[in-house]
């Protein structure tokens, strides 16, 4: 399993997203390494089809895919039990990762 976390430095939520991802991986017994992919310009964001920071990509597919016409540096929000947050919950990440097992 190839896991990537796309982010940009000024996003206040990517580190929480990384910690939640690590916890979800632990709970799902996933031992893969997380590759951190730093996006630094709007041109890089457009080329990578960057959906916002943090974005979680497994085997080349975003766990929360969206259709867009333009891509740029920006923060991403996720629906959680506590409303919109800058990172998905551990449980949400577990569910998404579990779909990619096997």
C-alpha atoms as a PDB file:
ATOM      1  CA  UNK A   1       0.000   0.000   0.000  1.00  0.00           C
ATOM      2  CA  UNK A   2       1.420   3.366  -1.051  1.00  0.00           C
ATOM      3  CA  UNK A   3       0.193   6.181   1.213  1.00  0.00           C
ATOM      4  CA  UNK A   4       0.872   9.860   0.588  1.00  0.00           C
ATOM      5  CA  UNK A   5      -0.134  12.944   2.517  1.00  0.00           C
ATOM      6  CA  UNK A   6      -0.145  16.102   0.393  1.00  0.00           C
ATOM      7  CA  UNK A   7       0.185  19.381   2.277  1.00  0.00           C
ATOM      8  CA  UNK A   8       1.556  22.901   2.186  1.00  0.00           C
ATOM      9  CA  UNK A   9       3.568  24.528   4.945  1.00  0.00           C
ATOM     10  CA  UNK A  10       1.066  27.232   5.946  1.00  0.00           C
ATOM     11  CA  UNK A  11      -1.796  24.785   6.487  1.00  0.00           C
ATOM     12  CA  UNK A  12      -2.544  24.652  10.219  1.00  0.00           C
ATOM     13  CA  UNK A  13      -4.172  21.197   9.992  1.00  0.00           C
ATOM     14  CA  UNK A  14      -1.757  18.965   8.115  1.00  0.00           C
ATOM     15  CA  UNK A  15       0.136  17.836  11.234  1.00  0.00           C
ATOM     16  CA  UNK A  16      -3.127  16.847  12.953  1.00  0.00           C
ATOM     17  CA  UNK A  17      -4.061  15.023   9.756  1.00  0.00           C
ATOM     18  CA  UNK A  18      -0.752  13.167   9.820  1.00  0.00           C
ATOM     19  CA  UNK A  19      -1.217  12.133  13.450  1.00  0.00           C
ATOM     20  CA  UNK A  20      -4.792  10.981  12.779  1.00  0.00           C
ATOM     21  CA  UNK A  21      -3.558   9.014   9.770  1.00  0.00           C
ATOM     22  CA  UNK A  22      -0.840   7.324  11.834  1.00  0.00           C
ATOM     23  CA  UNK A  23      -3.387   6.377  14.506  1.00  0.00           C
ATOM     24  CA  UNK A  24      -5.811   5.017  11.895  1.00  0.00           C
ATOM     25  CA  UNK A  25      -3.014   2.986  10.314  1.00  0.00           C
ATOM     26  CA  UNK A  26      -2.063   1.573  13.705  1.00  0.00           C
ATOM     27  CA  UNK A  27      -5.664   0.586  14.432  1.00  0.00           C
ATOM     28  CA  UNK A  28      -5.961  -1.066  11.001  1.00  0.00           C
ATOM     29  CA  UNK A  29      -2.573  -2.823  11.390  1.00  0.00           C
ATOM     30  CA  UNK A  30      -1.165  -1.051   8.340  1.00  0.00           C
ATOM     31  CA  UNK A  31       2.627  -0.865   8.431  1.00  0.00           C
ATOM     32  CA  UNK A  32       3.177   1.195   5.262  1.00  0.00           C
ATOM     33  CA  UNK A  33       5.307   4.319   5.325  1.00  0.00           C
ATOM     34  CA  UNK A  34       3.566   7.656   4.804  1.00  0.00           C
ATOM     35  CA  UNK A  35       5.217   9.733   2.094  1.00  0.00           C
ATOM     36  CA  UNK A  36       4.889  13.444   2.811  1.00  0.00           C
ATOM     37  CA  UNK A  37       4.413  15.453  -0.385  1.00  0.00           C
ATOM     38  CA  UNK A  38       4.906  19.182   0.117  1.00  0.00           C
ATOM     39  CA  UNK A  39       3.213  21.385  -2.466  1.00  0.00           C
ATOM     40  CA  UNK A  40       4.810  24.818  -2.688  1.00  0.00           C
ATOM     41  CA  UNK A  41       3.244  26.649  -5.648  1.00  0.00           C
ATOM     42  CA  UNK A  42      -0.077  26.902  -7.442  1.00  0.00           C
ATOM     43  CA  UNK A  43       1.650  25.434 -10.493  1.00  0.00           C
ATOM     44  CA  UNK A  44       2.641  22.336  -8.486  1.00  0.00           C
ATOM     45  CA  UNK A  45      -0.894  22.177  -7.065  1.00  0.00           C
ATOM     46  CA  UNK A  46      -2.370  22.242 -10.552  1.00  0.00           C
ATOM     47  CA  UNK A  47       0.041  19.588 -11.881  1.00  0.00           C
ATOM     48  CA  UNK A  48      -0.678  17.279  -8.900  1.00  0.00           C
ATOM     49  CA  UNK A  49      -4.452  17.943  -8.939  1.00  0.00           C
ATOM     50  CA  UNK A  50      -4.004  19.009  -5.314  1.00  0.00           C
ATOM     51  CA  UNK A  51      -7.400  19.154  -3.581  1.00  0.00           C
ATOM     52  CA  UNK A  52      -6.150  21.013  -0.525  1.00  0.00           C
ATOM     53  CA  UNK A  53      -4.128  20.446   2.586  1.00  0.00           C
ATOM     54  CA  UNK A  54      -4.122  17.875   3.996  1.00  0.00           C
ATOM     55  CA  UNK A  55      -4.998  15.395   1.229  1.00  0.00           C
ATOM     56  CA  UNK A  56      -4.704  11.658   1.728  1.00  0.00           C
ATOM     57  CA  UNK A  57      -3.788   9.542  -1.292  1.00  0.00           C
ATOM     58  CA  UNK A  58      -3.621   5.742  -1.321  1.00  0.00           C
ATOM     59  CA  UNK A  59      -2.247   3.909  -4.350  1.00  0.00           C
ATOM     60  CA  UNK A  60      -2.612   7.091  -6.396  1.00  0.00           C
ATOM     61  CA  UNK A  61      -6.242   7.806  -5.448  1.00  0.00           C
ATOM     62  CA  UNK A  62      -7.460  10.557  -3.154  1.00  0.00           C
ATOM     63  CA  UNK A  63      -9.500   9.119  -0.285  1.00  0.00           C
ATOM     64  CA  UNK A  64     -11.998  11.994  -0.667  1.00  0.00           C
ATOM     65  CA  UNK A  65     -12.062  12.601  -4.435  1.00  0.00           C
ATOM     66  CA  UNK A  66     -13.585  15.729  -5.947  1.00  0.00           C
ATOM     67  CA  UNK A  67     -14.025  17.043  -9.464  1.00  0.00           C
ATOM     68  CA  UNK A  68     -12.471  20.469  -9.994  1.00  0.00           C
ATOM     69  CA  UNK A  69     -11.487  22.690 -12.855  1.00  0.00           C
ATOM     70  CA  UNK A  70      -8.662  24.453 -11.023  1.00  0.00           C
ATOM     71  CA  UNK A  71      -6.236  23.414  -8.337  1.00  0.00           C
ATOM     72  CA  UNK A  72      -4.348  25.732  -5.988  1.00  0.00           C
ATOM     73  CA  UNK A  73      -2.741  26.001  -2.566  1.00  0.00           C
ATOM     74  CA  UNK A  74      -5.490  25.994  -0.003  1.00  0.00           C
ATOM     75  CA  UNK A  75      -6.721  24.289   3.119  1.00  0.00           C
ATOM     76  CA  UNK A  76      -9.216  21.466   2.963  1.00  0.00           C
ATOM     77  CA  UNK A  77     -12.109  20.743   5.319  1.00  0.00           C
ATOM     78  CA  UNK A  78     -13.659  17.423   6.290  1.00  0.00           C
ATOM     79  CA  UNK A  79     -17.032  16.554   7.778  1.00  0.00           C
ATOM     80  CA  UNK A  80     -16.602  15.034  11.256  1.00  0.00           C
ATOM     81  CA  UNK A  81     -18.886  14.196  14.159  1.00  0.00           C
ATOM     82  CA  UNK A  82     -17.920  17.602  15.579  1.00  0.00           C
ATOM     83  CA  UNK A  83     -18.689  19.523  12.374  1.00  0.00           C
ATOM     84  CA  UNK A  84     -16.264  20.709   9.730  1.00  0.00           C
ATOM     85  CA  UNK A  85     -12.620  20.304  10.687  1.00  0.00           C
ATOM     86  CA  UNK A  86      -9.297  20.805   8.954  1.00  0.00           C
ATOM     87  CA  UNK A  87      -8.498  17.085   9.131  1.00  0.00           C
ATOM     88  CA  UNK A  88     -10.621  13.931   9.012  1.00  0.00           C
ATOM     89  CA  UNK A  89     -11.224  11.968  12.189  1.00  0.00           C
ATOM     90  CA  UNK A  90      -9.281   8.815  12.997  1.00  0.00           C
ATOM     91  CA  UNK A  91     -12.458   6.774  12.471  1.00  0.00           C
ATOM     92  CA  UNK A  92     -13.071   8.308   9.024  1.00  0.00           C
ATOM     93  CA  UNK A  93      -9.489   7.583   8.021  1.00  0.00           C
ATOM     94  CA  UNK A  94      -9.824   4.009   9.307  1.00  0.00           C
ATOM     95  CA  UNK A  95     -12.928   3.486   7.178  1.00  0.00           C
ATOM     96  CA  UNK A  96     -11.258   4.868   4.055  1.00  0.00           C
ATOM     97  CA  UNK A  97      -8.044   2.888   4.609  1.00  0.00           C
ATOM     98  CA  UNK A  98      -9.990  -0.314   5.285  1.00  0.00           C
ATOM     99  CA  UNK A  99     -11.544  -0.016   1.812  1.00  0.00           C
ATOM    100  CA  UNK A 100      -8.031  -0.242   0.328  1.00  0.00           C
ATOM    101  CA  UNK A 101      -6.861  -3.327   2.229  1.00  0.00           C
ATOM    102  CA  UNK A 102      -6.142  -6.511   0.256  1.00  0.00           C
END
